[in-house]
Every structure is written in structure tokens, then in C-alpha cells.
Amino acid sequence: MELLANTTFWVGVAFAGFIFLVLYFKAHKTVGTMLDERAATIEAQIEEAKNLRAEAENLLIEYQRKQRDTEREAADMIAQAKEDAQIMANQAKDDLDALMRRRERGAAEKIAQAEANAVKEVKAAAVNIAVDAATAVLADAMKGKGGKALVDEAIADVEGKLH
């Protein structure tokens, strides 16, 4: 109990209380300011995060739209390529048919030409055989008395036609 009666003790307690109160109010203001600054920083970060999220969502929507457009364009390109391939296949078939018809006509013309040549050769051979046969028949006919009379008659016929 002596301690409670001691004035130095009370001066120390009062001094400590005063320091505590001064520090409490100063620290309270400082801590409050720091907490307010930290809260403002967190709010700014939250707002920035919201903005970034909204921007990311917009980008996602834009890229999804671009992807759909690209897929649509790719589908259109594939359809066009199939159509072009079909047109080219039809054109190639038509060209092949035309080529085959031209070659067929050419072959038919060559065959016709070969037939005409063969007919000419057969006719020429027949003429040669006929001439050879006629020559042989005339040579046989010219032998002997009948041949001399035939020659005399031919000479007279020629002389009659000349005068």
C-alpha cells in the first residue's frame, strides 16, 4: 500500500496515462489513416479488376464473334471449293469427251483413207491383171493366120481414118 501513497508513483501513472492517451489518439489517427489508405488502395484494385474483367469479357465476346465469322468464311470457302472442283471435273469430262470424239473422227478418217487406198490398190492390181491377161490373149490371137489378117485389118482401118 505504500505504493498508492507515494506521489511519485501517481505522477508516473499519470505520465504513463498521458503518454498512452497521446499515443492512442495519435496512433489511432495514424492507424485510421493507414487503414483508410489501404481501403482506398483495395477499392482501386477492385475497381481495376472489375474494369479488367469487363474488358476481358468484351474481348472474349469479340473473339467468339470473330471465330464464328471465321468458321462461316471457312465453310463458305469449302463450299466454293467443292463447287469449283465439281465445275472443273465436269469441264475435264467434257474436254475428255471432246478429245475422244476428235480422235474417233480422226481414226474413222484414217480408216476411210486406208479403205480408199486399198480399193485403189485392188483396182490397180485388177487393171494390171486384166492388161496382162489381154496381152496374153492378144499375143495368142496374133499367132498364126488369124493374127496376120487381124493386123492387116487394123492397118486398113487406121489408114481409112487418117484420110
C-alpha atoms as a PDB file:
ATOM      1  CA  MET A   1       0.000   0.000   0.000  1.00  0.00           C
ATOM      2  CA  GLU A   2       2.798   2.238   0.329  1.00  0.00           C
ATOM      3  CA  LEU A   3       2.939   2.480  -3.341  1.00  0.00           C
ATOM      4  CA  LEU A   4      -0.525   4.043  -3.519  1.00  0.00           C
ATOM      5  CA  ALA A   5       0.520   6.736  -1.084  1.00  0.00           C
ATOM      6  CA  ASN A   6       3.623   7.616  -2.998  1.00  0.00           C
ATOM      7  CA  THR A   7       3.195  10.741  -5.131  1.00  0.00           C
ATOM      8  CA  THR A   8       5.985   9.792  -7.485  1.00  0.00           C
ATOM      9  CA  PHE A   9       4.066   6.660  -8.286  1.00  0.00           C
ATOM     10  CA  TRP A  10       0.988   8.688  -9.121  1.00  0.00           C
ATOM     11  CA  VAL A  11       2.965  11.145 -11.154  1.00  0.00           C
ATOM     12  CA  GLY A  12       4.421   8.178 -13.083  1.00  0.00           C
ATOM     13  CA  VAL A  13       0.970   6.647 -13.544  1.00  0.00           C
ATOM     14  CA  ALA A  14      -0.427   9.980 -14.693  1.00  0.00           C
ATOM     15  CA  PHE A  15       2.518  10.487 -17.010  1.00  0.00           C
ATOM     16  CA  ALA A  16       2.125   6.969 -18.426  1.00  0.00           C
ATOM     17  CA  GLY A  17      -1.614   7.563 -18.845  1.00  0.00           C
ATOM     18  CA  PHE A  18      -0.952  10.845 -20.572  1.00  0.00           C
ATOM     19  CA  ILE A  19       1.586   9.260 -22.900  1.00  0.00           C
ATOM     20  CA  PHE A  20      -0.839   6.390 -23.503  1.00  0.00           C
ATOM     21  CA  LEU A  21      -3.665   8.794 -24.337  1.00  0.00           C
ATOM     22  CA  VAL A  22      -1.437  10.919 -26.581  1.00  0.00           C
ATOM     23  CA  LEU A  23      -0.074   7.859 -28.302  1.00  0.00           C
ATOM     24  CA  TYR A  24      -3.543   6.299 -28.537  1.00  0.00           C
ATOM     25  CA  PHE A  25      -5.058   9.323 -30.256  1.00  0.00           C
ATOM     26  CA  LYS A  26      -2.023   9.865 -32.475  1.00  0.00           C
ATOM     27  CA  ALA A  27      -1.729   6.154 -33.241  1.00  0.00           C
ATOM     28  CA  HIS A  28      -5.466   5.948 -33.697  1.00  0.00           C
ATOM     29  CA  LYS A  29      -5.326   8.727 -36.272  1.00  0.00           C
ATOM     30  CA  THR A  30      -2.264   7.199 -37.936  1.00  0.00           C
ATOM     31  CA  VAL A  31      -3.724   3.696 -37.942  1.00  0.00           C
ATOM     32  CA  GLY A  32      -7.059   5.064 -39.162  1.00  0.00           C
ATOM     33  CA  THR A  33      -5.302   6.976 -41.933  1.00  0.00           C
ATOM     34  CA  MET A  34      -3.293   3.898 -42.888  1.00  0.00           C
ATOM     35  CA  LEU A  35      -6.437   1.748 -42.879  1.00  0.00           C
ATOM     36  CA  ASP A  36      -8.284   4.359 -44.945  1.00  0.00           C
ATOM     37  CA  GLU A  37      -5.393   4.466 -47.430  1.00  0.00           C
ATOM     38  CA  ARG A  38      -5.291   0.659 -47.552  1.00  0.00           C
ATOM     39  CA  ALA A  39      -9.084   0.543 -48.063  1.00  0.00           C
ATOM     40  CA  ALA A  40      -8.791   3.121 -50.872  1.00  0.00           C
ATOM     41  CA  THR A  41      -5.998   1.069 -52.479  1.00  0.00           C
ATOM     42  CA  ILE A  42      -8.083  -2.108 -52.215  1.00  0.00           C
ATOM     43  CA  GLU A  43     -11.120  -0.324 -53.655  1.00  0.00           C
ATOM     44  CA  ALA A  44      -8.990   0.966 -56.545  1.00  0.00           C
ATOM     45  CA  GLN A  45      -7.671  -2.558 -57.146  1.00  0.00           C
ATOM     46  CA  ILE A  46     -11.211  -3.966 -57.034  1.00  0.00           C
ATOM     47  CA  GLU A  47     -12.394  -1.306 -59.486  1.00  0.00           C
ATOM     48  CA  GLU A  48      -9.414  -2.028 -61.751  1.00  0.00           C
ATOM     49  CA  ALA A  49     -10.160  -5.753 -61.515  1.00  0.00           C
ATOM     50  CA  LYS A  50     -13.810  -5.069 -62.450  1.00  0.00           C
ATOM     51  CA  ASN A  51     -12.678  -2.979 -65.416  1.00  0.00           C
ATOM     52  CA  LEU A  52     -10.200  -5.661 -66.491  1.00  0.00           C
ATOM     53  CA  ARG A  53     -12.889  -8.335 -66.171  1.00  0.00           C
ATOM     54  CA  ALA A  54     -15.330  -6.279 -68.244  1.00  0.00           C
ATOM     55  CA  GLU A  55     -12.607  -5.703 -70.839  1.00  0.00           C
ATOM     56  CA  ALA A  56     -11.765  -9.419 -70.841  1.00  0.00           C
ATOM     57  CA  GLU A  57     -15.438 -10.307 -71.284  1.00  0.00           C
ATOM     58  CA  ASN A  58     -15.693  -7.861 -74.180  1.00  0.00           C
ATOM     59  CA  LEU A  59     -12.567  -9.355 -75.753  1.00  0.00           C
ATOM     60  CA  LEU A  60     -13.969 -12.849 -75.264  1.00  0.00           C
ATOM     61  CA  ILE A  61     -17.239 -11.863 -76.934  1.00  0.00           C
ATOM     62  CA  GLU A  62     -15.333 -10.202 -79.780  1.00  0.00           C
ATOM     63  CA  TYR A  63     -13.069 -13.217 -80.310  1.00  0.00           C
ATOM     64  CA  GLN A  64     -16.052 -15.575 -80.192  1.00  0.00           C
ATOM     65  CA  ARG A  65     -17.731 -13.442 -82.861  1.00  0.00           C
ATOM     66  CA  LYS A  66     -14.539 -13.438 -84.923  1.00  0.00           C
ATOM     67  CA  GLN A  67     -14.298 -17.210 -84.518  1.00  0.00           C
ATOM     68  CA  ARG A  68     -17.893 -17.648 -85.709  1.00  0.00           C
ATOM     69  CA  ASP A  69     -17.226 -15.327 -88.657  1.00  0.00           C
ATOM     70  CA  THR A  70     -14.035 -17.207 -89.496  1.00  0.00           C
ATOM     71  CA  GLU A  71     -15.807 -20.558 -89.270  1.00  0.00           C
ATOM     72  CA  ARG A  72     -18.558 -19.221 -91.514  1.00  0.00           C
ATOM     73  CA  GLU A  73     -15.981 -17.926 -94.008  1.00  0.00           C
ATOM     74  CA  ALA A  74     -14.150 -21.266 -93.908  1.00  0.00           C
ATOM     75  CA  ALA A  75     -17.419 -23.117 -94.547  1.00  0.00           C
ATOM     76  CA  ASP A  76     -18.163 -20.758 -97.449  1.00  0.00           C
ATOM     77  CA  MET A  77     -14.668 -21.293 -98.844  1.00  0.00           C
ATOM     78  CA  ILE A  78     -15.051 -25.067 -98.592  1.00  0.00           C
ATOM     79  CA  ALA A  79     -18.438 -24.923-100.309  1.00  0.00           C
ATOM     80  CA  GLN A  80     -16.988 -22.710-103.061  1.00  0.00           C
ATOM     81  CA  ALA A  81     -14.009 -25.045-103.457  1.00  0.00           C
ATOM     82  CA  LYS A  82     -16.337 -28.044-103.773  1.00  0.00           C
ATOM     83  CA  GLU A  83     -18.408 -26.188-106.355  1.00  0.00           C
ATOM     84  CA  ASP A  84     -15.270 -25.184-108.274  1.00  0.00           C
ATOM     85  CA  ALA A  85     -13.983 -28.768-108.118  1.00  0.00           C
ATOM     86  CA  GLN A  86     -17.292 -30.047-109.486  1.00  0.00           C
ATOM     87  CA  ILE A  87     -17.206 -27.472-112.287  1.00  0.00           C
ATOM     88  CA  MET A  88     -13.598 -28.412-113.088  1.00  0.00           C
ATOM     89  CA  ALA A  89     -14.464 -32.130-113.041  1.00  0.00           C
ATOM     90  CA  ASN A  90     -17.384 -31.527-115.401  1.00  0.00           C
ATOM     91  CA  GLN A  91     -15.171 -29.402-117.662  1.00  0.00           C
ATOM     92  CA  ALA A  92     -12.471 -32.085-117.659  1.00  0.00           C
ATOM     93  CA  LYS A  93     -15.087 -34.739-118.522  1.00  0.00           C
ATOM     94  CA  ASP A  94     -16.427 -32.573-121.352  1.00  0.00           C
ATOM     95  CA  ASP A  95     -12.893 -31.926-122.611  1.00  0.00           C
ATOM     96  CA  LEU A  96     -12.102 -35.645-122.457  1.00  0.00           C
ATOM     97  CA  ASP A  97     -15.314 -36.473-124.327  1.00  0.00           C
ATOM     98  CA  ALA A  98     -14.472 -33.881-126.995  1.00  0.00           C
ATOM     99  CA  LEU A  99     -10.929 -35.270-127.294  1.00  0.00           C
ATOM    100  CA  MET A 100     -12.269 -38.801-127.638  1.00  0.00           C
ATOM    101  CA  ARG A 101     -14.728 -37.674-130.332  1.00  0.00           C
ATOM    102  CA  ARG A 102     -11.914 -35.899-132.229  1.00  0.00           C
ATOM    103  CA  ARG A 103      -9.675 -38.955-132.008  1.00  0.00           C
ATOM    104  CA  GLU A 104     -12.558 -41.201-133.043  1.00  0.00           C
ATOM    105  CA  ARG A 105     -13.237 -38.973-136.059  1.00  0.00           C
ATOM    106  CA  GLY A 106      -9.524 -38.961-136.895  1.00  0.00           C
ATOM    107  CA  ALA A 107      -9.372 -42.742-136.623  1.00  0.00           C
ATOM    108  CA  ALA A 108     -12.512 -43.077-138.783  1.00  0.00           C
ATOM    109  CA  GLU A 109     -10.945 -40.763-141.371  1.00  0.00           C
ATOM    110  CA  LYS A 110      -7.715 -42.808-141.343  1.00  0.00           C
ATOM    111  CA  ILE A 111      -9.734 -45.997-141.736  1.00  0.00           C
ATOM    112  CA  ALA A 112     -11.714 -44.471-144.613  1.00  0.00           C
ATOM    113  CA  GLN A 113      -8.474 -43.293-146.235  1.00  0.00           C
ATOM    114  CA  ALA A 114      -6.936 -46.739-145.794  1.00  0.00           C
ATOM    115  CA  GLU A 115     -10.069 -48.319-147.330  1.00  0.00           C
ATOM    116  CA  ALA A 116      -9.904 -45.914-150.291  1.00  0.00           C
ATOM    117  CA  ASN A 117      -6.205 -46.679-150.760  1.00  0.00           C
ATOM    118  CA  ALA A 118      -6.901 -50.408-150.542  1.00  0.00           C
ATOM    119  CA  VAL A 119      -9.709 -50.097-153.108  1.00  0.00           C
ATOM    120  CA  LYS A 120      -7.380 -48.136-155.414  1.00  0.00           C
ATOM    121  CA  GLU A 121      -4.632 -50.723-154.990  1.00  0.00           C
ATOM    122  CA  VAL A 122      -7.081 -53.574-155.662  1.00  0.00           C
ATOM    123  CA  LYS A 123      -8.416 -51.753-158.765  1.00  0.00           C
ATOM    124  CA  ALA A 124      -4.857 -51.062-159.965  1.00  0.00           C
ATOM    125  CA  ALA A 125      -3.925 -54.686-159.390  1.00  0.00           C
ATOM    126  CA  ALA A 126      -7.115 -55.791-161.227  1.00  0.00           C
ATOM    127  CA  VAL A 127      -6.292 -53.459-164.141  1.00  0.00           C
ATOM    128  CA  ASN A 128      -2.738 -54.802-164.271  1.00  0.00           C
ATOM    129  CA  ILE A 129      -4.025 -58.384-164.229  1.00  0.00           C
ATOM    130  CA  ALA A 130      -6.613 -57.536-166.902  1.00  0.00           C
ATOM    131  CA  VAL A 131      -3.949 -55.869-169.071  1.00  0.00           C
ATOM    132  CA  ASP A 132      -1.617 -58.834-168.614  1.00  0.00           C
ATOM    133  CA  ALA A 133      -4.481 -61.217-169.460  1.00  0.00           C
ATOM    134  CA  ALA A 134      -5.495 -59.157-172.501  1.00  0.00           C
ATOM    135  CA  THR A 135      -1.884 -59.022-173.613  1.00  0.00           C
ATOM    136  CA  ALA A 136      -1.590 -62.772-173.263  1.00  0.00           C
ATOM    137  CA  VAL A 137      -4.910 -63.328-175.111  1.00  0.00           C
ATOM    138  CA  LEU A 138      -3.916 -60.914-177.892  1.00  0.00           C
ATOM    139  CA  ALA A 139      -0.464 -62.440-178.151  1.00  0.00           C
ATOM    140  CA  ASP A 140      -2.085 -65.865-178.594  1.00  0.00           C
ATOM    141  CA  ALA A 141      -4.576 -64.433-181.044  1.00  0.00           C
ATOM    142  CA  MET A 142      -1.818 -62.788-183.097  1.00  0.00           C
ATOM    143  CA  LYS A 143      -0.032 -66.012-183.707  1.00  0.00           C
ATOM    144  CA  GLY A 144      -0.741 -67.744-186.995  1.00  0.00           C
ATOM    145  CA  LYS A 145      -3.017 -66.753-189.981  1.00  0.00           C
ATOM    146  CA  GLY A 146      -5.718 -65.137-187.862  1.00  0.00           C
ATOM    147  CA  GLY A 147      -3.195 -62.736-186.397  1.00  0.00           C
ATOM    148  CA  LYS A 148      -1.901 -61.594-189.785  1.00  0.00           C
ATOM    149  CA  ALA A 149      -5.427 -60.933-191.016  1.00  0.00           C
ATOM    150  CA  LEU A 150      -6.235 -59.045-187.836  1.00  0.00           C
ATOM    151  CA  VAL A 151      -3.115 -56.858-188.240  1.00  0.00           C
ATOM    152  CA  ASP A 152      -3.954 -56.154-191.906  1.00  0.00           C
ATOM    153  CA  GLU A 153      -7.491 -55.198-190.988  1.00  0.00           C
ATOM    154  CA  ALA A 154      -6.268 -52.878-188.192  1.00  0.00           C
ATOM    155  CA  ILE A 155      -3.827 -51.170-190.603  1.00  0.00           C
ATOM    156  CA  ALA A 156      -6.549 -50.640-193.144  1.00  0.00           C
ATOM    157  CA  ASP A 157      -8.861 -49.278-190.502  1.00  0.00           C
ATOM    158  CA  VAL A 158      -6.172 -46.809-189.387  1.00  0.00           C
ATOM    159  CA  GLU A 159      -5.478 -45.694-192.974  1.00  0.00           C
ATOM    160  CA  GLY A 160      -9.198 -45.150-193.535  1.00  0.00           C
ATOM    161  CA  LYS A 161      -9.456 -42.967-190.504  1.00  0.00           C
ATOM    162  CA  LEU A 162      -6.399 -40.904-191.494  1.00  0.00           C
ATOM    163  CA  HIS A 163      -7.654 -39.983-194.972  1.00  0.00           C
END
